[in-house]
Amino acid sequence: MKILTRCNRVYDTTRFGQPEIRIRHRQGTGKKCSSYLLRCGCCDERLEIFYADDGLEIEGVHGALEDWREILLPLLLIQRRGNQFVDASRKPGKRANQSVPQTGASPSVRRKQRRQGTQRRRT
């Protein structure tokens, strides 16, 4: 597992426009699991998350990884599609040929205009 590292300055708003969460990682020793200590970017509030291969403990609440995913991923706007996790907050990107502005009417509008023109001639 990759350990997340950050600059832990107080009230650092350079990345997101809000105070960045400060993080400290602690290695597991003996029977104690590894953990992350998350601290507020602007005050002394803190949250400790212990993790192992089979589950997480967040502020004393134990749960399986799947259970935490079911609860937290929708809050983070992340959806599961098959075996992959997809960011639901981002809209799908446009394809290259669709991003070029079209001149004139679309083909379906042109077809309708042609049909209306032939109907007018018949009457």
PDB file of N, CA and C in Angstrom:
ATOM      1  N   MET A   1       0.839  -1.181   0.000  1.00  0.00           N
ATOM      2  CA  MET A   1       0.000   0.000   0.000  1.00  0.00           C
ATOM      3  C   MET A   1       0.885   1.246   0.000  1.00  0.00           C
ATOM      4  N   LYS A   2       0.541   2.188  -0.844  1.00  0.00           N
ATOM      5  CA  LYS A   2       1.309   3.426  -0.922  1.00  0.00           C
ATOM      6  C   LYS A   2       0.929   4.334   0.247  1.00  0.00           C
ATOM      7  N   ILE A   3       1.921   4.838   0.944  1.00  0.00           N
ATOM      8  CA  ILE A   3       1.701   5.726   2.082  1.00  0.00           C
ATOM      9  C   ILE A   3       1.613   7.159   1.559  1.00  0.00           C
ATOM     10  N   LEU A   4       0.537   7.840   1.904  1.00  0.00           N
ATOM     11  CA  LEU A   4       0.316   9.209   1.461  1.00  0.00           C
ATOM     12  C   LEU A   4       1.157  10.170   2.294  1.00  0.00           C
ATOM     13  N   THR A   5       1.871  11.072   1.632  1.00  0.00           N
ATOM     14  CA  THR A   5       2.645  12.078   2.340  1.00  0.00           C
ATOM     15  C   THR A   5       2.233  13.456   1.837  1.00  0.00           C
ATOM     16  N   ARG A   6       2.249  14.421   2.736  1.00  0.00           N
ATOM     17  CA  ARG A   6       1.883  15.797   2.415  1.00  0.00           C
ATOM     18  C   ARG A   6       2.709  16.751   3.255  1.00  0.00           C
ATOM     19  N   CYS A   7       2.695  18.003   2.830  1.00  0.00           N
ATOM     20  CA  CYS A   7       3.253  19.066   3.646  1.00  0.00           C
ATOM     21  C   CYS A   7       2.194  19.401   4.700  1.00  0.00           C
ATOM     22  N   ASN A   8       2.510  19.327   5.961  1.00  0.00           N
ATOM     23  CA  ASN A   8       1.526  19.480   7.029  1.00  0.00           C
ATOM     24  C   ASN A   8       1.497  20.888   7.611  1.00  0.00           C
ATOM     25  N   ARG A   9       1.452  21.875   6.740  1.00  0.00           N
ATOM     26  CA  ARG A   9       1.367  23.254   7.221  1.00  0.00           C
ATOM     27  C   ARG A   9      -0.056  23.560   7.671  1.00  0.00           C
ATOM     28  N   VAL A  10      -0.175  24.364   8.696  1.00  0.00           N
ATOM     29  CA  VAL A  10      -1.481  24.778   9.184  1.00  0.00           C
ATOM     30  C   VAL A  10      -2.045  25.826   8.221  1.00  0.00           C
ATOM     31  N   TYR A  11      -3.311  25.676   7.883  1.00  0.00           N
ATOM     32  CA  TYR A  11      -4.069  26.582   7.018  1.00  0.00           C
ATOM     33  C   TYR A  11      -3.414  26.766   5.649  1.00  0.00           C
ATOM     34  N   ASP A  12      -3.033  25.649   5.038  1.00  0.00           N
ATOM     35  CA  ASP A  12      -2.471  25.656   3.683  1.00  0.00           C
ATOM     36  C   ASP A  12      -3.619  25.562   2.685  1.00  0.00           C
ATOM     37  N   THR A  13      -3.912  26.641   1.971  1.00  0.00           N
ATOM     38  CA  THR A  13      -5.048  26.680   1.037  1.00  0.00           C
ATOM     39  C   THR A  13      -4.601  26.688  -0.422  1.00  0.00           C
ATOM     40  N   THR A  14      -3.364  26.338  -0.708  1.00  0.00           N
ATOM     41  CA  THR A  14      -2.844  26.457  -2.069  1.00  0.00           C
ATOM     42  C   THR A  14      -3.452  25.460  -3.042  1.00  0.00           C
ATOM     43  N   ARG A  15      -3.793  24.239  -2.626  1.00  0.00           N
ATOM     44  CA  ARG A  15      -4.275  23.210  -3.560  1.00  0.00           C
ATOM     45  C   ARG A  15      -5.767  23.259  -3.827  1.00  0.00           C
ATOM     46  N   PHE A  16      -6.580  23.389  -2.803  1.00  0.00           N
ATOM     47  CA  PHE A  16      -8.023  23.235  -2.977  1.00  0.00           C
ATOM     48  C   PHE A  16      -8.828  24.484  -2.630  1.00  0.00           C
ATOM     49  N   GLY A  17      -8.190  25.524  -2.144  1.00  0.00           N
ATOM     50  CA  GLY A  17      -8.914  26.727  -1.762  1.00  0.00           C
ATOM     51  C   GLY A  17      -9.482  26.643  -0.356  1.00  0.00           C
ATOM     52  N   GLN A  18      -9.343  25.518   0.302  1.00  0.00           N
ATOM     53  CA  GLN A  18      -9.749  25.313   1.689  1.00  0.00           C
ATOM     54  C   GLN A  18      -8.540  24.778   2.436  1.00  0.00           C
ATOM     55  N   PRO A  19      -8.519  24.891   3.759  1.00  0.00           N
ATOM     56  CA  PRO A  19      -7.378  24.337   4.498  1.00  0.00           C
ATOM     57  C   PRO A  19      -7.230  22.837   4.228  1.00  0.00           C
ATOM     58  N   GLU A  20      -6.035  22.428   3.860  1.00  0.00           N
ATOM     59  CA  GLU A  20      -5.762  21.035   3.507  1.00  0.00           C
ATOM     60  C   GLU A  20      -5.652  20.177   4.764  1.00  0.00           C
ATOM     61  N   ILE A  21      -6.228  18.978   4.705  1.00  0.00           N
ATOM     62  CA  ILE A  21      -6.160  18.054   5.835  1.00  0.00           C
ATOM     63  C   ILE A  21      -4.708  17.636   6.046  1.00  0.00           C
ATOM     64  N   ARG A  22      -4.266  17.681   7.300  1.00  0.00           N
ATOM     65  CA  ARG A  22      -2.893  17.280   7.624  1.00  0.00           C
ATOM     66  C   ARG A  22      -2.879  15.796   7.986  1.00  0.00           C
ATOM     67  N   ILE A  23      -1.875  15.067   7.505  1.00  0.00           N
ATOM     68  CA  ILE A  23      -1.840  13.614   7.659  1.00  0.00           C
ATOM     69  C   ILE A  23      -0.533  13.166   8.305  1.00  0.00           C
ATOM     70  N   ARG A  24      -0.657  12.193   9.181  1.00  0.00           N
ATOM     71  CA  ARG A  24       0.520  11.525   9.744  1.00  0.00           C
ATOM     72  C   ARG A  24       0.242  10.030   9.726  1.00  0.00           C
ATOM     73  N   HIS A  25       1.212   9.247   9.251  1.00  0.00           N
ATOM     74  CA  HIS A  25       1.074   7.798   9.204  1.00  0.00           C
ATOM     75  C   HIS A  25       1.878   7.181  10.331  1.00  0.00           C
ATOM     76  N   ARG A  26       1.279   6.164  10.967  1.00  0.00           N
ATOM     77  CA  ARG A  26       1.976   5.452  12.038  1.00  0.00           C
ATOM     78  C   ARG A  26       2.045   3.969  11.683  1.00  0.00           C
ATOM     79  N   GLN A  27       3.231   3.402  11.751  1.00  0.00           N
ATOM     80  CA  GLN A  27       3.427   1.978  11.473  1.00  0.00           C
ATOM     81  C   GLN A  27       2.829   1.154  12.603  1.00  0.00           C
ATOM     82  N   GLY A  28       2.333  -0.040  12.269  1.00  0.00           N
ATOM     83  CA  GLY A  28       1.820  -0.944  13.292  1.00  0.00           C
ATOM     84  C   GLY A  28       2.965  -1.548  14.090  1.00  0.00           C
ATOM     85  N   THR A  29       2.754  -1.721  15.382  1.00  0.00           N
ATOM     86  CA  THR A  29       3.768  -2.332  16.248  1.00  0.00           C
ATOM     87  C   THR A  29       3.082  -3.370  17.122  1.00  0.00           C
ATOM     88  N   GLY A  30       3.628  -4.584  17.159  1.00  0.00           N
ATOM     89  CA  GLY A  30       3.034  -5.632  17.988  1.00  0.00           C
ATOM     90  C   GLY A  30       1.613  -5.945  17.549  1.00  0.00           C
ATOM     91  N   LYS A  31       0.657  -5.794  18.462  1.00  0.00           N
ATOM     92  CA  LYS A  31      -0.742  -6.066  18.142  1.00  0.00           C
ATOM     93  C   LYS A  31      -1.466  -4.837  17.615  1.00  0.00           C
ATOM     94  N   LYS A  32      -0.844  -3.689  17.659  1.00  0.00           N
ATOM     95  CA  LYS A  32      -1.490  -2.453  17.208  1.00  0.00           C
ATOM     96  C   LYS A  32      -1.349  -2.319  15.689  1.00  0.00           C
ATOM     97  N   CYS A  33      -2.478  -2.054  15.009  1.00  0.00           N
ATOM     98  CA  CYS A  33      -2.493  -1.921  13.545  1.00  0.00           C
ATOM     99  C   CYS A  33      -1.889  -0.589  13.120  1.00  0.00           C
ATOM    100  N   SER A  34      -1.510  -0.535  11.856  1.00  0.00           N
ATOM    101  CA  SER A  34      -1.055   0.729  11.276  1.00  0.00           C
ATOM    102  C   SER A  34      -2.221   1.704  11.258  1.00  0.00           C
ATOM    103  N   SER A  35      -1.890   3.003  11.245  1.00  0.00           N
ATOM    104  CA  SER A  35      -2.978   3.975  11.279  1.00  0.00           C
ATOM    105  C   SER A  35      -2.575   5.273  10.590  1.00  0.00           C
ATOM    106  N   TYR A  36      -3.608   6.014  10.229  1.00  0.00           N
ATOM    107  CA  TYR A  36      -3.450   7.387   9.752  1.00  0.00           C
ATOM    108  C   TYR A  36      -4.076   8.295  10.792  1.00  0.00           C
ATOM    109  N   LEU A  37      -3.397   9.377  11.092  1.00  0.00           N
ATOM    110  CA  LEU A  37      -3.943  10.407  11.960  1.00  0.00           C
ATOM    111  C   LEU A  37      -4.230  11.611  11.068  1.00  0.00           C
ATOM    112  N   LEU A  38      -5.500  11.954  10.943  1.00  0.00           N
ATOM    113  CA  LEU A  38      -5.916  13.079  10.119  1.00  0.00           C
ATOM    114  C   LEU A  38      -6.247  14.246  11.035  1.00  0.00           C
ATOM    115  N   ARG A  39      -5.657  15.387  10.742  1.00  0.00           N
ATOM    116  CA  ARG A  39      -5.922  16.580  11.547  1.00  0.00           C
ATOM    117  C   ARG A  39      -6.488  17.677  10.661  1.00  0.00           C
ATOM    118  N   CYS A  40      -7.370  18.459  11.240  1.00  0.00           N
ATOM    119  CA  CYS A  40      -7.982  19.562  10.524  1.00  0.00           C
ATOM    120  C   CYS A  40      -6.898  20.548  10.088  1.00  0.00           C
ATOM    121  N   GLY A  41      -7.119  21.196   8.945  1.00  0.00           N
ATOM    122  CA  GLY A  41      -6.129  22.134   8.430  1.00  0.00           C
ATOM    123  C   GLY A  41      -6.112  23.465   9.147  1.00  0.00           C
ATOM    124  N   CYS A  42      -7.178  23.771   9.927  1.00  0.00           N
ATOM    125  CA  CYS A  42      -7.236  25.095  10.545  1.00  0.00           C
ATOM    126  C   CYS A  42      -7.366  25.052  12.064  1.00  0.00           C
ATOM    127  N   CYS A  43      -7.521  23.848  12.664  1.00  0.00           N
ATOM    128  CA  CYS A  43      -7.648  23.778  14.126  1.00  0.00           C
ATOM    129  C   CYS A  43      -7.031  22.474  14.626  1.00  0.00           C
ATOM    130  N   ASP A  44      -7.290  22.109  15.868  1.00  0.00           N
ATOM    131  CA  ASP A  44      -6.671  20.929  16.465  1.00  0.00           C
ATOM    132  C   ASP A  44      -7.553  19.688  16.470  1.00  0.00           C
ATOM    133  N   GLU A  45      -8.675  19.692  15.746  1.00  0.00           N
ATOM    134  CA  GLU A  45      -9.526  18.504  15.673  1.00  0.00           C
ATOM    135  C   GLU A  45      -8.771  17.393  14.953  1.00  0.00           C
ATOM    136  N   ARG A  46      -9.026  16.130  15.355  1.00  0.00           N
ATOM    137  CA  ARG A  46      -8.299  15.010  14.771  1.00  0.00           C
ATOM    138  C   ARG A  46      -9.188  13.785  14.648  1.00  0.00           C
ATOM    139  N   LEU A  47      -8.781  12.880  13.753  1.00  0.00           N
ATOM    140  CA  LEU A  47      -9.486  11.639  13.489  1.00  0.00           C
ATOM    141  C   LEU A  47      -8.427  10.575  13.245  1.00  0.00           C
ATOM    142  N   GLU A  48      -8.566   9.420  13.911  1.00  0.00           N
ATOM    143  CA  GLU A  48      -7.587   8.353  13.724  1.00  0.00           C
ATOM    144  C   GLU A  48      -8.255   7.164  13.045  1.00  0.00           C
ATOM    145  N   ILE A  49      -7.596   6.657  11.994  1.00  0.00           N
ATOM    146  CA  ILE A  49      -8.101   5.527  11.223  1.00  0.00           C
ATOM    147  C   ILE A  49      -7.069   4.408  11.301  1.00  0.00           C
ATOM    148  N   PHE A  50      -7.455   3.276  11.904  1.00  0.00           N
ATOM    149  CA  PHE A  50      -6.602   2.097  11.948  1.00  0.00           C
ATOM    150  C   PHE A  50      -7.009   1.197  10.800  1.00  0.00           C
ATOM    151  N   TYR A  51      -6.030   0.591  10.115  1.00  0.00           N
ATOM    152  CA  TYR A  51      -6.356  -0.267   8.977  1.00  0.00           C
ATOM    153  C   TYR A  51      -5.559  -1.559   9.026  1.00  0.00           C
ATOM    154  N   ALA A  52      -6.178  -2.602   8.480  1.00  0.00           N
ATOM    155  CA  ALA A  52      -5.553  -3.920   8.338  1.00  0.00           C
ATOM    156  C   ALA A  52      -6.069  -4.514   7.029  1.00  0.00           C
ATOM    157  N   ASP A  53      -5.644  -5.729   6.717  1.00  0.00           N
ATOM    158  CA  ASP A  53      -6.067  -6.366   5.469  1.00  0.00           C
ATOM    159  C   ASP A  53      -7.560  -6.687   5.456  1.00  0.00           C
ATOM    160  N   ASP A  54      -8.146  -6.911   6.629  1.00  0.00           N
ATOM    161  CA  ASP A  54      -9.542  -7.354   6.672  1.00  0.00           C
ATOM    162  C   ASP A  54     -10.553  -6.258   7.005  1.00  0.00           C
ATOM    163  N   GLY A  55     -10.112  -5.078   7.431  1.00  0.00           N
ATOM    164  CA  GLY A  55     -11.080  -4.044   7.766  1.00  0.00           C
ATOM    165  C   GLY A  55     -10.458  -2.744   8.233  1.00  0.00           C
ATOM    166  N   LEU A  56     -11.341  -1.818   8.598  1.00  0.00           N
ATOM    167  CA  LEU A  56     -10.937  -0.500   9.080  1.00  0.00           C
ATOM    168  C   LEU A  56     -11.607  -0.210  10.422  1.00  0.00           C
ATOM    169  N   GLU A  57     -10.932   0.597  11.216  1.00  0.00           N
ATOM    170  CA  GLU A  57     -11.537   1.139  12.421  1.00  0.00           C
ATOM    171  C   GLU A  57     -11.401   2.656  12.338  1.00  0.00           C
ATOM    172  N   ILE A  58     -12.531   3.330  12.246  1.00  0.00           N
ATOM    173  CA  ILE A  58     -12.527   4.787  12.167  1.00  0.00           C
ATOM    174  C   ILE A  58     -13.181   5.317  13.432  1.00  0.00           C
ATOM    175  N   GLU A  59     -12.399   6.008  14.251  1.00  0.00           N
ATOM    176  CA  GLU A  59     -12.858   6.565  15.525  1.00  0.00           C
ATOM    177  C   GLU A  59     -13.598   5.540  16.374  1.00  0.00           C
ATOM    178  N   GLY A  60     -13.049   4.316  16.450  1.00  0.00           N
ATOM    179  CA  GLY A  60     -13.611   3.283  17.310  1.00  0.00           C
ATOM    180  C   GLY A  60     -14.688   2.437  16.668  1.00  0.00           C
ATOM    181  N   VAL A  61     -15.087   2.739  15.432  1.00  0.00           N
ATOM    182  CA  VAL A  61     -16.116   1.961  14.743  1.00  0.00           C
ATOM    183  C   VAL A  61     -15.428   0.969  13.809  1.00  0.00           C
ATOM    184  N   HIS A  62     -15.556  -0.338  14.127  1.00  0.00           N
ATOM    185  CA  HIS A  62     -14.941  -1.388  13.319  1.00  0.00           C
ATOM    186  C   HIS A  62     -15.876  -1.781  12.189  1.00  0.00           C
ATOM    187  N   GLY A  63     -15.308  -2.107  11.023  1.00  0.00           N
ATOM    188  CA  GLY A  63     -16.125  -2.555   9.906  1.00  0.00           C
ATOM    189  C   GLY A  63     -15.271  -3.181   8.824  1.00  0.00           C
ATOM    190  N   ALA A  64     -15.892  -4.029   8.017  1.00  0.00           N
ATOM    191  CA  ALA A  64     -15.208  -4.650   6.888  1.00  0.00           C
ATOM    192  C   ALA A  64     -14.968  -3.598   5.812  1.00  0.00           C
ATOM    193  N   LEU A  65     -13.977  -3.844   4.964  1.00  0.00           N
ATOM    194  CA  LEU A  65     -13.659  -2.887   3.897  1.00  0.00           C
ATOM    195  C   LEU A  65     -14.852  -2.659   2.977  1.00  0.00           C
ATOM    196  N   GLU A  66     -15.557  -3.726   2.610  1.00  0.00           N
ATOM    197  CA  GLU A  66     -16.726  -3.585   1.731  1.00  0.00           C
ATOM    198  C   GLU A  66     -17.809  -2.735   2.388  1.00  0.00           C
ATOM    199  N   ASP A  67     -17.974  -2.881   3.690  1.00  0.00           N
ATOM    200  CA  ASP A  67     -18.974  -2.095   4.403  1.00  0.00           C
ATOM    201  C   ASP A  67     -18.614  -0.603   4.381  1.00  0.00           C
ATOM    202  N   TRP A  68     -17.338  -0.288   4.603  1.00  0.00           N
ATOM    203  CA  TRP A  68     -16.900   1.115   4.553  1.00  0.00           C
ATOM    204  C   TRP A  68     -17.026   1.663   3.141  1.00  0.00           C
ATOM    205  N   ARG A  69     -16.720   0.848   2.123  1.00  0.00           N
ATOM    206  CA  ARG A  69     -16.867   1.301   0.728  1.00  0.00           C
ATOM    207  C   ARG A  69     -18.312   1.646   0.422  1.00  0.00           C
ATOM    208  N   GLU A  70     -19.218   0.797   0.873  1.00  0.00           N
ATOM    209  CA  GLU A  70     -20.638   1.010   0.625  1.00  0.00           C
ATOM    210  C   GLU A  70     -21.123   2.325   1.245  1.00  0.00           C
ATOM    211  N   ILE A  71     -20.543   2.700   2.364  1.00  0.00           N
ATOM    212  CA  ILE A  71     -20.969   3.920   3.055  1.00  0.00           C
ATOM    213  C   ILE A  71     -20.257   5.157   2.521  1.00  0.00           C
ATOM    214  N   LEU A  72     -18.937   5.084   2.355  1.00  0.00           N
ATOM    215  CA  LEU A  72     -18.145   6.285   2.067  1.00  0.00           C
ATOM    216  C   LEU A  72     -18.043   6.646   0.588  1.00  0.00           C
ATOM    217  N   LEU A  73     -17.996   5.681  -0.311  1.00  0.00           N
ATOM    218  CA  LEU A  73     -17.802   6.001  -1.725  1.00  0.00           C
ATOM    219  C   LEU A  73     -18.908   6.865  -2.314  1.00  0.00           C
ATOM    220  N   PRO A  74     -20.188   6.634  -2.001  1.00  0.00           N
ATOM    221  CA  PRO A  74     -21.205   7.550  -2.527  1.00  0.00           C
ATOM    222  C   PRO A  74     -21.034   8.987  -2.011  1.00  0.00           C
ATOM    223  N   LEU A  75     -20.527   9.135  -0.800  1.00  0.00           N
ATOM    224  CA  LEU A  75     -20.281  10.480  -0.269  1.00  0.00           C
ATOM    225  C   LEU A  75     -19.167  11.184  -1.033  1.00  0.00           C
ATOM    226  N   LEU A  76     -18.222  10.411  -1.547  1.00  0.00           N
ATOM    227  CA  LEU A  76     -17.104  10.955  -2.313  1.00  0.00           C
ATOM    228  C   LEU A  76     -17.408  11.019  -3.809  1.00  0.00           C
ATOM    229  N   LEU A  77     -18.650  10.697  -4.192  1.00  0.00           N
ATOM    230  CA  LEU A  77     -19.101  10.689  -5.589  1.00  0.00           C
ATOM    231  C   LEU A  77     -18.291   9.718  -6.436  1.00  0.00           C
ATOM    232  N   ILE A  78     -18.089   8.512  -5.888  1.00  0.00           N
ATOM    233  CA  ILE A  78     -17.379   7.454  -6.597  1.00  0.00           C
ATOM    234  C   ILE A  78     -18.336   6.278  -6.737  1.00  0.00           C
ATOM    235  N   GLN A  79     -18.457   5.758  -7.965  1.00  0.00           N
ATOM    236  CA  GLN A  79     -19.344   4.634  -8.231  1.00  0.00           C
ATOM    237  C   GLN A  79     -18.527   3.414  -8.616  1.00  0.00           C
ATOM    238  N   ARG A  80     -19.069   2.240  -8.321  1.00  0.00           N
ATOM    239  CA  ARG A  80     -18.421   0.993  -8.715  1.00  0.00           C
ATOM    240  C   ARG A  80     -19.073   0.502  -9.995  1.00  0.00           C
ATOM    241  N   ARG A  81     -18.258   0.265 -11.010  1.00  0.00           N
ATOM    242  CA  ARG A  81     -18.728  -0.312 -12.278  1.00  0.00           C
ATOM    243  C   ARG A  81     -17.914  -1.565 -12.531  1.00  0.00           C
ATOM    244  N   GLY A  82     -18.519  -2.704 -12.222  1.00  0.00           N
ATOM    245  CA  GLY A  82     -17.806  -3.978 -12.327  1.00  0.00           C
ATOM    246  C   GLY A  82     -16.751  -4.050 -11.250  1.00  0.00           C
ATOM    247  N   ASN A  83     -15.500  -4.213 -11.656  1.00  0.00           N
ATOM    248  CA  ASN A  83     -14.391  -4.262 -10.700  1.00  0.00           C
ATOM    249  C   ASN A  83     -13.659  -2.939 -10.594  1.00  0.00           C
ATOM    250  N   GLN A  84     -14.169  -1.897 -11.248  1.00  0.00           N
ATOM    251  CA  GLN A  84     -13.492  -0.602 -11.246  1.00  0.00           C
ATOM    252  C   GLN A  84     -14.301   0.424 -10.479  1.00  0.00           C
ATOM    253  N   PHE A  85     -13.605   1.420  -9.939  1.00  0.00           N
ATOM    254  CA  PHE A  85     -14.247   2.543  -9.277  1.00  0.00           C
ATOM    255  C   PHE A  85     -14.106   3.757 -10.175  1.00  0.00           C
ATOM    256  N   VAL A  86     -15.218   4.447 -10.417  1.00  0.00           N
ATOM    257  CA  VAL A  86     -15.255   5.550 -11.373  1.00  0.00           C
ATOM    258  C   VAL A  86     -15.695   6.817 -10.657  1.00  0.00           C
ATOM    259  N   ASP A  87     -15.032   7.916 -10.964  1.00  0.00           N
ATOM    260  CA  ASP A  87     -15.380   9.220 -10.393  1.00  0.00           C
ATOM    261  C   ASP A  87     -16.686   9.691 -11.021  1.00  0.00           C
ATOM    262  N   ALA A  88     -17.751   9.711 -10.249  1.00  0.00           N
ATOM    263  CA  ALA A  88     -19.071  10.087 -10.778  1.00  0.00           C
ATOM    264  C   ALA A  88     -19.245  11.592 -10.854  1.00  0.00           C
ATOM    265  N   SER A  89     -18.364  12.363 -10.256  1.00  0.00           N
ATOM    266  CA  SER A  89     -18.514  13.816 -10.284  1.00  0.00           C
ATOM    267  C   SER A  89     -18.083  14.410 -11.617  1.00  0.00           C
ATOM    268  N   ARG A  90     -17.281  13.677 -12.374  1.00  0.00           N
ATOM    269  CA  ARG A  90     -16.816  14.178 -13.676  1.00  0.00           C
ATOM    270  C   ARG A  90     -17.723  13.674 -14.777  1.00  0.00           C
ATOM    271  N   LYS A  91     -18.042  14.543 -15.703  1.00  0.00           N
ATOM    272  CA  LYS A  91     -18.848  14.153 -16.840  1.00  0.00           C
ATOM    273  C   LYS A  91     -17.943  13.469 -17.855  1.00  0.00           C
ATOM    274  N   PRO A  92     -18.487  12.523 -18.626  1.00  0.00           N
ATOM    275  CA  PRO A  92     -17.650  11.869 -19.637  1.00  0.00           C
ATOM    276  C   PRO A  92     -17.121  12.897 -20.627  1.00  0.00           C
ATOM    277  N   GLY A  93     -15.873  12.725 -21.020  1.00  0.00           N
ATOM    278  CA  GLY A  93     -15.235  13.666 -21.936  1.00  0.00           C
ATOM    279  C   GLY A  93     -15.840  13.610 -23.320  1.00  0.00           C
ATOM    280  N   LYS A  94     -15.764  14.706 -24.022  1.00  0.00           N
ATOM    281  CA  LYS A  94     -16.272  14.751 -25.388  1.00  0.00           C
ATOM    282  C   LYS A  94     -15.251  14.110 -26.312  1.00  0.00           C
ATOM    283  N   ARG A  95     -15.756  13.505 -27.370  1.00  0.00           N
ATOM    284  CA  ARG A  95     -14.854  12.943 -28.372  1.00  0.00           C
ATOM    285  C   ARG A  95     -14.351  14.070 -29.256  1.00  0.00           C
ATOM    286  N   ALA A  96     -13.248  13.837 -29.919  1.00  0.00           N
ATOM    287  CA  ALA A  96     -12.602  14.881 -30.711  1.00  0.00           C
ATOM    288  C   ALA A  96     -13.518  15.406 -31.811  1.00  0.00           C
ATOM    289  N   ASN A  97     -14.239  14.529 -32.485  1.00  0.00           N
ATOM    290  CA  ASN A  97     -15.058  15.000 -33.598  1.00  0.00           C
ATOM    291  C   ASN A  97     -16.322  15.717 -33.125  1.00  0.00           C
ATOM    292  N   GLN A  98     -16.733  15.540 -31.886  1.00  0.00           N
ATOM    293  CA  GLN A  98     -17.913  16.221 -31.378  1.00  0.00           C
ATOM    294  C   GLN A  98     -17.596  17.598 -30.822  1.00  0.00           C
ATOM    295  N   SER A  99     -16.352  17.861 -30.509  1.00  0.00           N
ATOM    296  CA  SER A  99     -16.012  19.143 -29.906  1.00  0.00           C
ATOM    297  C   SER A  99     -15.882  20.255 -30.939  1.00  0.00           C
ATOM    298  N   VAL A 100     -15.802  19.915 -32.221  1.00  0.00           N
ATOM    299  CA  VAL A 100     -15.697  20.919 -33.277  1.00  0.00           C
ATOM    300  C   VAL A 100     -17.090  21.482 -33.541  1.00  0.00           C
ATOM    301  N   PRO A 101     -17.272  22.807 -33.462  1.00  0.00           N
ATOM    302  CA  PRO A 101     -18.611  23.360 -33.695  1.00  0.00           C
ATOM    303  C   PRO A 101     -19.052  23.122 -35.131  1.00  0.00           C
ATOM    304  N   GLN A 102     -20.289  22.716 -35.298  1.00  0.00           N
ATOM    305  CA  GLN A 102     -20.827  22.455 -36.627  1.00  0.00           C
ATOM    306  C   GLN A 102     -21.409  23.741 -37.197  1.00  0.00           C
ATOM    307  N   THR A 103     -21.304  23.882 -38.487  1.00  0.00           N
ATOM    308  CA  THR A 103     -21.900  25.042 -39.140  1.00  0.00           C
ATOM    309  C   THR A 103     -23.213  24.608 -39.754  1.00  0.00           C
ATOM    310  N   GLY A 104     -24.228  25.420 -39.617  1.00  0.00           N
ATOM    311  CA  GLY A 104     -25.525  25.088 -40.188  1.00  0.00           C
ATOM    312  C   GLY A 104     -26.307  24.140 -39.306  1.00  0.00           C
ATOM    313  N   ALA A 105     -27.358  23.592 -39.842  1.00  0.00           N
ATOM    314  CA  ALA A 105     -28.233  22.707 -39.094  1.00  0.00           C
ATOM    315  C   ALA A 105     -27.675  21.291 -39.064  1.00  0.00           C
ATOM    316  N   SER A 106     -28.122  20.529 -38.077  1.00  0.00           N
ATOM    317  CA  SER A 106     -27.695  19.139 -37.970  1.00  0.00           C
ATOM    318  C   SER A 106     -28.369  18.320 -39.067  1.00  0.00           C
ATOM    319  N   PRO A 107     -27.878  17.114 -39.365  1.00  0.00           N
ATOM    320  CA  PRO A 107     -28.468  16.286 -40.419  1.00  0.00           C
ATOM    321  C   PRO A 107     -29.942  15.974 -40.178  1.00  0.00           C
ATOM    322  N   SER A 108     -30.318  15.731 -38.913  1.00  0.00           N
ATOM    323  CA  SER A 108     -31.721  15.410 -38.650  1.00  0.00           C
ATOM    324  C   SER A 108     -32.619  16.618 -38.921  1.00  0.00           C
ATOM    325  N   VAL A 109     -32.146  17.819 -38.617  1.00  0.00           N
ATOM    326  CA  VAL A 109     -32.926  19.031 -38.887  1.00  0.00           C
ATOM    327  C   VAL A 109     -33.040  19.244 -40.391  1.00  0.00           C
ATOM    328  N   ARG A 110     -31.964  18.992 -41.130  1.00  0.00           N
ATOM    329  CA  ARG A 110     -32.001  19.143 -42.582  1.00  0.00           C
ATOM    330  C   ARG A 110     -32.998  18.167 -43.220  1.00  0.00           C
ATOM    331  N   ARG A 111     -33.048  16.923 -42.709  1.00  0.00           N
ATOM    332  CA  ARG A 111     -34.008  15.951 -43.222  1.00  0.00           C
ATOM    333  C   ARG A 111     -35.439  16.427 -42.991  1.00  0.00           C
ATOM    334  N   LYS A 112     -35.718  16.949 -41.800  1.00  0.00           N
ATOM    335  CA  LYS A 112     -37.057  17.456 -41.505  1.00  0.00           C
ATOM    336  C   LYS A 112     -37.417  18.611 -42.425  1.00  0.00           C
ATOM    337  N   GLN A 113     -36.447  19.497 -42.658  1.00  0.00           N
ATOM    338  CA  GLN A 113     -36.705  20.638 -43.544  1.00  0.00           C
ATOM    339  C   GLN A 113     -36.994  20.151 -44.963  1.00  0.00           C
ATOM    340  N   ARG A 114     -36.268  19.124 -45.433  1.00  0.00           N
ATOM    341  CA  ARG A 114     -36.511  18.593 -46.768  1.00  0.00           C
ATOM    342  C   ARG A 114     -37.901  17.983 -46.871  1.00  0.00           C
ATOM    343  N   ARG A 115     -38.307  17.217 -45.814  1.00  0.00           N
ATOM    344  CA  ARG A 115     -39.636  16.612 -45.819  1.00  0.00           C
ATOM    345  C   ARG A 115     -40.726  17.681 -45.860  1.00  0.00           C
ATOM    346  N   GLN A 116     -40.559  18.722 -45.076  1.00  0.00           N
ATOM    347  CA  GLN A 116     -41.547  19.808 -45.046  1.00  0.00           C
ATOM    348  C   GLN A 116     -41.600  20.514 -46.395  1.00  0.00           C
ATOM    349  N   GLY A 117     -40.465  20.675 -47.043  1.00  0.00           N
ATOM    350  CA  GLY A 117     -40.419  21.311 -48.356  1.00  0.00           C
ATOM    351  C   GLY A 117     -41.143  20.501 -49.400  1.00  0.00           C
ATOM    352  N   THR A 118     -40.989  19.167 -49.369  1.00  0.00           N
ATOM    353  CA  THR A 118     -41.686  18.320 -50.348  1.00  0.00           C
ATOM    354  C   THR A 118     -43.169  18.285 -50.073  1.00  0.00           C
ATOM    355  N   GLN A 119     -43.573  18.360 -48.815  1.00  0.00           N
ATOM    356  CA  GLN A 119     -44.995  18.367 -48.480  1.00  0.00           C
ATOM    357  C   GLN A 119     -45.662  19.649 -48.972  1.00  0.00           C
ATOM    358  N   ARG A 120     -44.968  20.771 -48.897  1.00  0.00           N
ATOM    359  CA  ARG A 120     -45.516  22.042 -49.326  1.00  0.00           C
ATOM    360  C   ARG A 120     -45.712  22.042 -50.850  1.00  0.00           C
ATOM    361  N   ARG A 121     -44.807  21.421 -51.574  1.00  0.00           N
ATOM    362  CA  ARG A 121     -44.911  21.372 -53.036  1.00  0.00           C
ATOM    363  C   ARG A 121     -46.117  20.542 -53.490  1.00  0.00           C
ATOM    364  N   ARG A 122     -46.402  19.488 -52.748  1.00  0.00           N
ATOM    365  CA  ARG A 122     -47.511  18.600 -53.121  1.00  0.00           C
ATOM    366  C   ARG A 122     -48.876  19.281 -52.960  1.00  0.00           C
ATOM    367  N   THR A 123     -48.999  20.175 -52.016  1.00  0.00           N
ATOM    368  CA  THR A 123     -50.301  20.809 -51.760  1.00  0.00           C
ATOM    369  C   THR A 123     -50.523  22.029 -52.572  1.00  0.00           C
TER     370      THR A 123
END
